């Protein structure tokens, strides 16, 4: 297989074509990347780690189609890049256990949710009103719900399985909620409170919170504080602040350490413990003066 160095101009041109959904373009790129061999692999892996957004997702798709990918190495590279974007991160995390994760089908399903939300939205809807429409689409029409009976099942954390089984835990359901909200232009935030995970809406008149595990129940700040007190924690104002993408993904990994341990799967428990360590050491290294 030929392997030659790509010029900076060629890399820029190829990267710009990654998001083009036209079948002819995709087939042409697949053929070209195959001919380039290791140089194409290096380019696609670099874009998947560092570009973020749809371009990173597209690069990951090409890596998978070309069988160039090493999902575990890709997720490690993403962690080390410090260029954290939620959708790319959860896709890469999912692929560490399921390399056949269908990125196109996943994105298409989220797009369909968003299209349905937009169709139902009244004009000039408030944030709360928009959230109520998302609740209707995700929890009433599609039937997503919290898996209270088998909370520790690792499948509750992998978004392809959550969509297939329509069961999840607070963090996975919240992430789906956030990805749909992004598609309709609604600016919501991940909020990792002690013992639970919520979606936050920050309106000028005050914040509100969405409990995706409980069919999108809307909560006032005091409701959240009451829940924290019930867990014998002293609530802090900082508990209501948005959670960075880095910590969202790290928290998913911590959950999976526990859930794979309960499932008597020490190999995967160890893998996700290593990811937690990678997140923590990477952050510490970059945060140090």
C-alpha atoms as a PDB file:
ATOM      1  CA  UNK A   1       0.000   0.000   0.000  1.00  0.00           C
ATOM      2  CA  UNK A   2       1.332   3.421  -0.989  1.00  0.00           C
ATOM      3  CA  UNK A   3       2.190   5.749   1.833  1.00  0.00           C
ATOM      4  CA  UNK A   4       3.396   9.253   1.054  1.00  0.00           C
ATOM      5  CA  UNK A   5       3.505  12.479   2.999  1.00  0.00           C
ATOM      6  CA  UNK A   6       0.524  14.758   2.596  1.00  0.00           C
ATOM      7  CA  UNK A   7       1.223  18.458   2.186  1.00  0.00           C
ATOM      8  CA  UNK A   8      -0.485  20.918   4.555  1.00  0.00           C
ATOM      9  CA  UNK A   9      -2.691  22.077   1.670  1.00  0.00           C
ATOM     10  CA  UNK A  10      -3.772  18.498   0.928  1.00  0.00           C
ATOM     11  CA  UNK A  11      -4.578  17.874   4.587  1.00  0.00           C
ATOM     12  CA  UNK A  12      -6.701  21.016   4.724  1.00  0.00           C
ATOM     13  CA  UNK A  13      -8.551  20.079   1.537  1.00  0.00           C
ATOM     14  CA  UNK A  14      -9.237  16.512   2.665  1.00  0.00           C
ATOM     15  CA  UNK A  15     -10.373  17.640   6.107  1.00  0.00           C
ATOM     16  CA  UNK A  16     -12.788  20.109   4.520  1.00  0.00           C
ATOM     17  CA  UNK A  17     -14.404  17.264   2.561  1.00  0.00           C
ATOM     18  CA  UNK A  18     -14.973  14.982   5.557  1.00  0.00           C
ATOM     19  CA  UNK A  19     -18.376  16.471   6.408  1.00  0.00           C
ATOM     20  CA  UNK A  20     -19.722  16.174   2.848  1.00  0.00           C
ATOM     21  CA  UNK A  21     -22.546  13.595   3.023  1.00  0.00           C
ATOM     22  CA  UNK A  22     -22.763  12.995  -0.743  1.00  0.00           C
ATOM     23  CA  UNK A  23     -22.290   9.247  -1.454  1.00  0.00           C
ATOM     24  CA  UNK A  24     -20.006   9.968  -4.419  1.00  0.00           C
ATOM     25  CA  UNK A  25     -17.748  12.147  -2.266  1.00  0.00           C
ATOM     26  CA  UNK A  26     -17.627   9.580   0.525  1.00  0.00           C
ATOM     27  CA  UNK A  27     -16.768   6.748  -1.850  1.00  0.00           C
ATOM     28  CA  UNK A  28     -14.080   8.844  -3.518  1.00  0.00           C
ATOM     29  CA  UNK A  29     -12.540   9.710  -0.149  1.00  0.00           C
ATOM     30  CA  UNK A  30     -12.620   6.082   0.995  1.00  0.00           C
ATOM     31  CA  UNK A  31     -10.756   5.053  -2.158  1.00  0.00           C
ATOM     32  CA  UNK A  32      -8.238   7.869  -1.786  1.00  0.00           C
ATOM     33  CA  UNK A  33      -7.627   7.202   1.907  1.00  0.00           C
ATOM     34  CA  UNK A  34      -7.099   3.522   1.163  1.00  0.00           C
ATOM     35  CA  UNK A  35      -4.398   4.406  -1.356  1.00  0.00           C
ATOM     36  CA  UNK A  36      -2.696   6.730   1.130  1.00  0.00           C
ATOM     37  CA  UNK A  37      -2.439   4.073   3.836  1.00  0.00           C
ATOM     38  CA  UNK A  38      -0.712   5.097   7.058  1.00  0.00           C
ATOM     39  CA  UNK A  39      -0.667   8.777   6.121  1.00  0.00           C
ATOM     40  CA  UNK A  40      -4.469   8.765   5.852  1.00  0.00           C
ATOM     41  CA  UNK A  41      -4.753   6.922   9.150  1.00  0.00           C
ATOM     42  CA  UNK A  42      -2.579   9.543  10.871  1.00  0.00           C
ATOM     43  CA  UNK A  43      -4.589  12.410   9.384  1.00  0.00           C
ATOM     44  CA  UNK A  44      -7.950  10.937  10.350  1.00  0.00           C
ATOM     45  CA  UNK A  45      -6.813  10.044  13.858  1.00  0.00           C
ATOM     46  CA  UNK A  46      -5.503  13.585  14.351  1.00  0.00           C
ATOM     47  CA  UNK A  47      -8.796  15.111  13.160  1.00  0.00           C
ATOM     48  CA  UNK A  48     -10.838  12.698  15.306  1.00  0.00           C
ATOM     49  CA  UNK A  49      -8.843  13.747  18.376  1.00  0.00           C
ATOM     50  CA  UNK A  50      -8.566  17.465  17.829  1.00  0.00           C
ATOM     51  CA  UNK A  51     -11.210  18.879  15.502  1.00  0.00           C
ATOM     52  CA  UNK A  52     -14.340  18.449  17.624  1.00  0.00           C
ATOM     53  CA  UNK A  53     -17.937  18.549  16.422  1.00  0.00           C
ATOM     54  CA  UNK A  54     -19.200  17.016  13.192  1.00  0.00           C
ATOM     55  CA  UNK A  55     -15.751  16.935  11.578  1.00  0.00           C
ATOM     56  CA  UNK A  56     -14.364  14.708  14.346  1.00  0.00           C
ATOM     57  CA  UNK A  57     -17.413  12.458  14.091  1.00  0.00           C
ATOM     58  CA  UNK A  58     -16.899  12.156  10.316  1.00  0.00           C
ATOM     59  CA  UNK A  59     -13.211  11.350  10.751  1.00  0.00           C
ATOM     60  CA  UNK A  60     -14.147   8.597  13.198  1.00  0.00           C
ATOM     61  CA  UNK A  61     -16.615   7.200  10.650  1.00  0.00           C
ATOM     62  CA  UNK A  62     -13.894   7.014   7.984  1.00  0.00           C
ATOM     63  CA  UNK A  63     -11.499   5.341  10.408  1.00  0.00           C
ATOM     64  CA  UNK A  64     -14.110   2.720  11.186  1.00  0.00           C
ATOM     65  CA  UNK A  65     -15.053   2.149   7.543  1.00  0.00           C
ATOM     66  CA  UNK A  66     -11.406   1.762   6.578  1.00  0.00           C
ATOM     67  CA  UNK A  67     -10.696  -0.468   9.585  1.00  0.00           C
ATOM     68  CA  UNK A  68      -7.916   1.975  10.495  1.00  0.00           C
ATOM     69  CA  UNK A  69      -9.264   2.589  13.952  1.00  0.00           C
ATOM     70  CA  UNK A  70      -8.101   1.504  17.376  1.00  0.00           C
ATOM     71  CA  UNK A  71     -11.059   2.689  19.487  1.00  0.00           C
ATOM     72  CA  UNK A  72      -9.240   2.494  22.823  1.00  0.00           C
ATOM     73  CA  UNK A  73      -6.240   4.417  21.488  1.00  0.00           C
ATOM     74  CA  UNK A  74      -8.588   6.969  19.902  1.00  0.00           C
ATOM     75  CA  UNK A  75     -10.372   7.628  23.181  1.00  0.00           C
ATOM     76  CA  UNK A  76      -7.057   7.933  25.016  1.00  0.00           C
ATOM     77  CA  UNK A  77      -5.918  10.411  22.371  1.00  0.00           C
ATOM     78  CA  UNK A  78      -9.140  12.363  22.785  1.00  0.00           C
ATOM     79  CA  UNK A  79      -8.617  12.528  26.552  1.00  0.00           C
ATOM     80  CA  UNK A  80      -5.045  13.732  26.109  1.00  0.00           C
ATOM     81  CA  UNK A  81      -6.039  16.345  23.528  1.00  0.00           C
ATOM     82  CA  UNK A  82      -7.972  18.456  26.095  1.00  0.00           C
ATOM     83  CA  UNK A  83     -10.221  19.419  23.164  1.00  0.00           C
ATOM     84  CA  UNK A  84     -13.446  18.118  24.667  1.00  0.00           C
ATOM     85  CA  UNK A  85     -16.730  18.126  22.772  1.00  0.00           C
ATOM     86  CA  UNK A  86     -19.620  16.131  24.180  1.00  0.00           C
ATOM     87  CA  UNK A  87     -20.972  14.277  21.149  1.00  0.00           C
ATOM     88  CA  UNK A  88     -17.534  13.280  19.891  1.00  0.00           C
ATOM     89  CA  UNK A  89     -16.535  12.178  23.385  1.00  0.00           C
ATOM     90  CA  UNK A  90     -19.541   9.929  24.004  1.00  0.00           C
ATOM     91  CA  UNK A  91     -19.178   8.343  20.556  1.00  0.00           C
ATOM     92  CA  UNK A  92     -15.505   7.583  21.167  1.00  0.00           C
ATOM     93  CA  UNK A  93     -16.284   6.286  24.671  1.00  0.00           C
ATOM     94  CA  UNK A  94     -19.003   3.991  23.286  1.00  0.00           C
ATOM     95  CA  UNK A  95     -16.653   2.618  20.638  1.00  0.00           C
ATOM     96  CA  UNK A  96     -14.130   1.432  23.230  1.00  0.00           C
ATOM     97  CA  UNK A  97     -16.596  -1.362  24.040  1.00  0.00           C
ATOM     98  CA  UNK A  98     -18.534  -1.518  20.777  1.00  0.00           C
ATOM     99  CA  UNK A  99     -16.209  -0.720  17.825  1.00  0.00           C
ATOM    100  CA  UNK A 100     -19.138  -1.337  15.456  1.00  0.00           C
ATOM    101  CA  UNK A 101     -21.078   1.583  16.980  1.00  0.00           C
ATOM    102  CA  UNK A 102     -23.117   2.985  14.082  1.00  0.00           C
ATOM    103  CA  UNK A 103     -22.288   6.684  14.201  1.00  0.00           C
ATOM    104  CA  UNK A 104     -24.532   7.565  11.272  1.00  0.00           C
ATOM    105  CA  UNK A 105     -27.555   5.790  12.777  1.00  0.00           C
ATOM    106  CA  UNK A 106     -26.939   7.442  16.151  1.00  0.00           C
ATOM    107  CA  UNK A 107     -26.704  10.921  14.662  1.00  0.00           C
ATOM    108  CA  UNK A 108     -29.725  10.292  12.444  1.00  0.00           C
ATOM    109  CA  UNK A 109     -31.830   9.308  15.451  1.00  0.00           C
ATOM    110  CA  UNK A 110     -30.851  12.464  17.331  1.00  0.00           C
ATOM    111  CA  UNK A 111     -31.607  14.516  14.221  1.00  0.00           C
ATOM    112  CA  UNK A 112     -35.054  12.898  14.032  1.00  0.00           C
ATOM    113  CA  UNK A 113     -35.763  13.767  17.673  1.00  0.00           C
ATOM    114  CA  UNK A 114     -34.713  17.367  17.022  1.00  0.00           C
ATOM    115  CA  UNK A 115     -36.837  17.623  13.871  1.00  0.00           C
ATOM    116  CA  UNK A 116     -39.870  16.417  15.792  1.00  0.00           C
ATOM    117  CA  UNK A 117     -39.204  18.959  18.573  1.00  0.00           C
ATOM    118  CA  UNK A 118     -38.920  21.792  16.052  1.00  0.00           C
ATOM    119  CA  UNK A 119     -42.192  20.721  14.438  1.00  0.00           C
ATOM    120  CA  UNK A 120     -43.997  20.947  17.784  1.00  0.00           C
ATOM    121  CA  UNK A 121     -42.415  24.153  19.074  1.00  0.00           C
ATOM    122  CA  UNK A 122     -44.653  27.221  19.280  1.00  0.00           C
ATOM    123  CA  UNK A 123     -43.202  30.520  18.124  1.00  0.00           C
ATOM    124  CA  UNK A 124     -41.095  32.433  20.660  1.00  0.00           C
ATOM    125  CA  UNK A 125     -41.191  29.543  23.153  1.00  0.00           C
ATOM    126  CA  UNK A 126     -39.411  30.073  26.463  1.00  0.00           C
ATOM    127  CA  UNK A 127     -36.623  27.720  27.555  1.00  0.00           C
ATOM    128  CA  UNK A 128     -39.025  25.921  29.860  1.00  0.00           C
ATOM    129  CA  UNK A 129     -41.605  25.545  27.104  1.00  0.00           C
ATOM    130  CA  UNK A 130     -38.958  24.123  24.782  1.00  0.00           C
ATOM    131  CA  UNK A 131     -37.900  21.657  27.457  1.00  0.00           C
ATOM    132  CA  UNK A 132     -41.492  20.511  27.846  1.00  0.00           C
ATOM    133  CA  UNK A 133     -41.572  19.741  24.117  1.00  0.00           C
ATOM    134  CA  UNK A 134     -38.306  17.800  24.358  1.00  0.00           C
ATOM    135  CA  UNK A 135     -39.841  15.901  27.283  1.00  0.00           C
ATOM    136  CA  UNK A 136     -42.849  15.023  25.160  1.00  0.00           C
ATOM    137  CA  UNK A 137     -40.709  13.742  22.281  1.00  0.00           C
ATOM    138  CA  UNK A 138     -38.131  11.785  24.289  1.00  0.00           C
ATOM    139  CA  UNK A 139     -40.181  10.433  27.185  1.00  0.00           C
ATOM    140  CA  UNK A 140     -43.768  10.267  25.940  1.00  0.00           C
ATOM    141  CA  UNK A 141     -43.471   9.617  22.221  1.00  0.00           C
ATOM    142  CA  UNK A 142     -40.182   7.683  22.088  1.00  0.00           C
ATOM    143  CA  UNK A 143     -40.477   6.146  25.551  1.00  0.00           C
ATOM    144  CA  UNK A 144     -37.048   6.747  27.044  1.00  0.00           C
ATOM    145  CA  UNK A 145     -37.026   6.124  30.786  1.00  0.00           C
ATOM    146  CA  UNK A 146     -34.777   5.583  33.753  1.00  0.00           C
ATOM    147  CA  UNK A 147     -33.766   2.001  34.429  1.00  0.00           C
ATOM    148  CA  UNK A 148     -34.595   1.854  38.132  1.00  0.00           C
ATOM    149  CA  UNK A 149     -34.820  -1.948  38.172  1.00  0.00           C
ATOM    150  CA  UNK A 150     -31.324  -2.598  36.806  1.00  0.00           C
ATOM    151  CA  UNK A 151     -29.513   0.658  37.471  1.00  0.00           C
ATOM    152  CA  UNK A 152     -26.016  -0.902  37.469  1.00  0.00           C
ATOM    153  CA  UNK A 153     -26.373  -2.593  34.081  1.00  0.00           C
ATOM    154  CA  UNK A 154     -23.414  -1.229  32.042  1.00  0.00           C
ATOM    155  CA  UNK A 155     -25.642  -0.987  28.959  1.00  0.00           C
ATOM    156  CA  UNK A 156     -27.381   1.966  30.629  1.00  0.00           C
ATOM    157  CA  UNK A 157     -24.274   4.064  29.967  1.00  0.00           C
ATOM    158  CA  UNK A 158     -23.723   3.307  26.268  1.00  0.00           C
ATOM    159  CA  UNK A 159     -25.859   5.607  24.170  1.00  0.00           C
ATOM    160  CA  UNK A 160     -26.494   3.200  21.307  1.00  0.00           C
ATOM    161  CA  UNK A 161     -27.848   0.713  23.848  1.00  0.00           C
ATOM    162  CA  UNK A 162     -29.832   3.425  25.629  1.00  0.00           C
ATOM    163  CA  UNK A 163     -31.584   4.329  22.377  1.00  0.00           C
ATOM    164  CA  UNK A 164     -32.120   0.704  21.393  1.00  0.00           C
ATOM    165  CA  UNK A 165     -33.455  -0.427  24.779  1.00  0.00           C
ATOM    166  CA  UNK A 166     -34.948   2.990  25.697  1.00  0.00           C
ATOM    167  CA  UNK A 167     -33.437   2.638  29.149  1.00  0.00           C
ATOM    168  CA  UNK A 168     -30.719   4.674  30.791  1.00  0.00           C
ATOM    169  CA  UNK A 169     -29.332   6.252  33.924  1.00  0.00           C
ATOM    170  CA  UNK A 170     -29.377   9.970  34.775  1.00  0.00           C
ATOM    171  CA  UNK A 171     -26.133  10.869  33.009  1.00  0.00           C
ATOM    172  CA  UNK A 172     -26.794   8.983  29.766  1.00  0.00           C
ATOM    173  CA  UNK A 173     -30.372  10.250  29.479  1.00  0.00           C
ATOM    174  CA  UNK A 174     -29.178  13.785  30.262  1.00  0.00           C
ATOM    175  CA  UNK A 175     -26.564  13.574  27.501  1.00  0.00           C
ATOM    176  CA  UNK A 176     -29.165  12.512  24.944  1.00  0.00           C
ATOM    177  CA  UNK A 177     -31.312  15.419  26.149  1.00  0.00           C
ATOM    178  CA  UNK A 178     -28.413  17.843  25.726  1.00  0.00           C
ATOM    179  CA  UNK A 179     -27.522  16.592  22.241  1.00  0.00           C
ATOM    180  CA  UNK A 180     -31.117  17.021  21.096  1.00  0.00           C
ATOM    181  CA  UNK A 181     -31.270  20.485  22.680  1.00  0.00           C
ATOM    182  CA  UNK A 182     -28.086  21.484  20.835  1.00  0.00           C
ATOM    183  CA  UNK A 183     -29.691  20.504  17.544  1.00  0.00           C
ATOM    184  CA  UNK A 184     -32.672  22.800  18.125  1.00  0.00           C
ATOM    185  CA  UNK A 185     -30.505  25.701  19.285  1.00  0.00           C
ATOM    186  CA  UNK A 186     -31.451  25.471  22.957  1.00  0.00           C
ATOM    187  CA  UNK A 187     -28.532  26.298  25.246  1.00  0.00           C
ATOM    188  CA  UNK A 188     -28.716  23.905  28.173  1.00  0.00           C
ATOM    189  CA  UNK A 189     -25.936  22.642  30.417  1.00  0.00           C
ATOM    190  CA  UNK A 190     -24.900  19.392  32.053  1.00  0.00           C
ATOM    191  CA  UNK A 191     -25.178  19.629  35.845  1.00  0.00           C
ATOM    192  CA  UNK A 192     -23.603  16.863  37.922  1.00  0.00           C
ATOM    193  CA  UNK A 193     -25.061  17.285  41.399  1.00  0.00           C
ATOM    194  CA  UNK A 194     -24.067  14.938  44.239  1.00  0.00           C
ATOM    195  CA  UNK A 195     -25.720  11.573  43.712  1.00  0.00           C
ATOM    196  CA  UNK A 196     -27.572  12.542  40.531  1.00  0.00           C
ATOM    197  CA  UNK A 197     -27.218  14.144  37.136  1.00  0.00           C
ATOM    198  CA  UNK A 198     -29.444  16.874  35.705  1.00  0.00           C
ATOM    199  CA  UNK A 199     -29.781  19.245  32.773  1.00  0.00           C
ATOM    200  CA  UNK A 200     -29.683  22.950  33.643  1.00  0.00           C
ATOM    201  CA  UNK A 201     -31.522  25.837  32.033  1.00  0.00           C
ATOM    202  CA  UNK A 202     -30.176  29.246  32.996  1.00  0.00           C
ATOM    203  CA  UNK A 203     -32.806  31.914  32.349  1.00  0.00           C
ATOM    204  CA  UNK A 204     -32.381  35.586  33.359  1.00  0.00           C
ATOM    205  CA  UNK A 205     -35.053  35.197  36.025  1.00  0.00           C
ATOM    206  CA  UNK A 206     -33.300  32.175  37.538  1.00  0.00           C
ATOM    207  CA  UNK A 207     -32.218  28.626  36.760  1.00  0.00           C
ATOM    208  CA  UNK A 208     -34.326  25.514  36.476  1.00  0.00           C
ATOM    209  CA  UNK A 209     -33.291  21.896  36.145  1.00  0.00           C
ATOM    210  CA  UNK A 210     -34.522  18.916  34.136  1.00  0.00           C
ATOM    211  CA  UNK A 211     -34.460  15.429  35.636  1.00  0.00           C
ATOM    212  CA  UNK A 212     -34.145  13.233  32.541  1.00  0.00           C
ATOM    213  CA  UNK A 213     -34.174  10.087  34.689  1.00  0.00           C
ATOM    214  CA  UNK A 214     -37.674  10.998  35.856  1.00  0.00           C
ATOM    215  CA  UNK A 215     -39.354  11.797  32.517  1.00  0.00           C
ATOM    216  CA  UNK A 216     -37.969  15.339  32.363  1.00  0.00           C
ATOM    217  CA  UNK A 217     -39.408  16.594  35.653  1.00  0.00           C
ATOM    218  CA  UNK A 218     -38.666  20.314  36.006  1.00  0.00           C
ATOM    219  CA  UNK A 219     -37.025  21.296  39.289  1.00  0.00           C
ATOM    220  CA  UNK A 220     -36.389  24.602  41.019  1.00  0.00           C
ATOM    221  CA  UNK A 221     -33.043  25.149  42.789  1.00  0.00           C
ATOM    222  CA  UNK A 222     -34.626  24.430  46.186  1.00  0.00           C
ATOM    223  CA  UNK A 223     -35.942  21.102  44.864  1.00  0.00           C
ATOM    224  CA  UNK A 224     -32.392  20.141  43.925  1.00  0.00           C
ATOM    225  CA  UNK A 225     -31.082  21.240  47.333  1.00  0.00           C
ATOM    226  CA  UNK A 226     -33.722  19.111  49.069  1.00  0.00           C
ATOM    227  CA  UNK A 227     -32.545  16.069  47.138  1.00  0.00           C
ATOM    228  CA  UNK A 228     -28.941  16.770  48.090  1.00  0.00           C
ATOM    229  CA  UNK A 229     -29.911  17.102  51.768  1.00  0.00           C
ATOM    230  CA  UNK A 230     -31.751  13.771  51.547  1.00  0.00           C
ATOM    231  CA  UNK A 231     -28.376  12.192  50.687  1.00  0.00           C
ATOM    232  CA  UNK A 232     -26.879  13.710  53.863  1.00  0.00           C
ATOM    233  CA  UNK A 233     -24.865  16.262  51.930  1.00  0.00           C
ATOM    234  CA  UNK A 234     -24.830  19.975  52.612  1.00  0.00           C
ATOM    235  CA  UNK A 235     -25.882  21.708  49.395  1.00  0.00           C
ATOM    236  CA  UNK A 236     -23.632  24.390  47.961  1.00  0.00           C
ATOM    237  CA  UNK A 237     -24.458  26.993  45.335  1.00  0.00           C
ATOM    238  CA  UNK A 238     -21.660  25.488  43.241  1.00  0.00           C
ATOM    239  CA  UNK A 239     -23.707  22.266  43.018  1.00  0.00           C
ATOM    240  CA  UNK A 240     -26.019  24.073  40.585  1.00  0.00           C
ATOM    241  CA  UNK A 241     -23.215  25.200  38.260  1.00  0.00           C
ATOM    242  CA  UNK A 242     -22.632  23.647  34.821  1.00  0.00           C
ATOM    243  CA  UNK A 243     -20.316  20.638  34.716  1.00  0.00           C
ATOM    244  CA  UNK A 244     -17.468  20.766  32.154  1.00  0.00           C
ATOM    245  CA  UNK A 245     -17.511  18.187  29.363  1.00  0.00           C
ATOM    246  CA  UNK A 246     -14.288  16.723  30.723  1.00  0.00           C
ATOM    247  CA  UNK A 247     -15.941  15.933  34.044  1.00  0.00           C
ATOM    248  CA  UNK A 248     -19.120  14.629  32.388  1.00  0.00           C
ATOM    249  CA  UNK A 249     -17.096  12.053  30.440  1.00  0.00           C
ATOM    250  CA  UNK A 250     -14.898  11.233  33.432  1.00  0.00           C
ATOM    251  CA  UNK A 251     -18.017  10.689  35.541  1.00  0.00           C
ATOM    252  CA  UNK A 252     -19.354   8.296  32.903  1.00  0.00           C
ATOM    253  CA  UNK A 253     -16.107   6.356  33.173  1.00  0.00           C
ATOM    254  CA  UNK A 254     -16.308   6.279  36.982  1.00  0.00           C
ATOM    255  CA  UNK A 255     -19.845   4.917  36.738  1.00  0.00           C
ATOM    256  CA  UNK A 256     -18.678   2.215  34.352  1.00  0.00           C
ATOM    257  CA  UNK A 257     -15.889   1.152  36.704  1.00  0.00           C
ATOM    258  CA  UNK A 258     -18.556   0.502  39.339  1.00  0.00           C
ATOM    259  CA  UNK A 259     -21.069  -1.061  36.976  1.00  0.00           C
ATOM    260  CA  UNK A 260     -18.596  -3.415  35.296  1.00  0.00           C
ATOM    261  CA  UNK A 261     -17.371  -4.419  38.761  1.00  0.00           C
ATOM    262  CA  UNK A 262     -20.946  -5.287  39.763  1.00  0.00           C
ATOM    263  CA  UNK A 263     -21.293  -7.194  36.472  1.00  0.00           C
ATOM    264  CA  UNK A 264     -18.146  -9.213  37.345  1.00  0.00           C
ATOM    265  CA  UNK A 265     -16.279  -7.883  34.316  1.00  0.00           C
ATOM    266  CA  UNK A 266     -12.867  -6.937  35.713  1.00  0.00           C
ATOM    267  CA  UNK A 267     -11.313  -6.378  32.277  1.00  0.00           C
ATOM    268  CA  UNK A 268     -13.664  -3.547  31.390  1.00  0.00           C
ATOM    269  CA  UNK A 269     -13.683  -2.228  34.967  1.00  0.00           C
ATOM    270  CA  UNK A 270      -9.888  -1.896  34.740  1.00  0.00           C
ATOM    271  CA  UNK A 271     -10.079  -0.247  31.315  1.00  0.00           C
ATOM    272  CA  UNK A 272     -12.463   2.463  32.508  1.00  0.00           C
ATOM    273  CA  UNK A 273     -10.442   2.969  35.696  1.00  0.00           C
ATOM    274  CA  UNK A 274      -7.481   3.689  33.411  1.00  0.00           C
ATOM    275  CA  UNK A 275      -9.560   6.228  31.505  1.00  0.00           C
ATOM    276  CA  UNK A 276     -10.458   7.952  34.794  1.00  0.00           C
ATOM    277  CA  UNK A 277      -6.771   8.144  35.678  1.00  0.00           C
ATOM    278  CA  UNK A 278      -6.014   9.491  32.191  1.00  0.00           C
ATOM    279  CA  UNK A 279      -8.594  12.257  32.581  1.00  0.00           C
ATOM    280  CA  UNK A 280      -7.308  13.193  36.028  1.00  0.00           C
ATOM    281  CA  UNK A 281      -3.598  13.179  35.193  1.00  0.00           C
ATOM    282  CA  UNK A 282      -4.126  15.041  31.910  1.00  0.00           C
ATOM    283  CA  UNK A 283      -6.099  17.739  33.711  1.00  0.00           C
ATOM    284  CA  UNK A 284      -3.553  18.008  36.507  1.00  0.00           C
ATOM    285  CA  UNK A 285      -0.703  18.242  34.025  1.00  0.00           C
ATOM    286  CA  UNK A 286      -2.343  21.084  32.094  1.00  0.00           C
ATOM    287  CA  UNK A 287      -3.646  22.852  35.213  1.00  0.00           C
ATOM    288  CA  UNK A 288      -0.219  22.987  36.856  1.00  0.00           C
ATOM    289  CA  UNK A 289       1.573  26.360  36.494  1.00  0.00           C
END
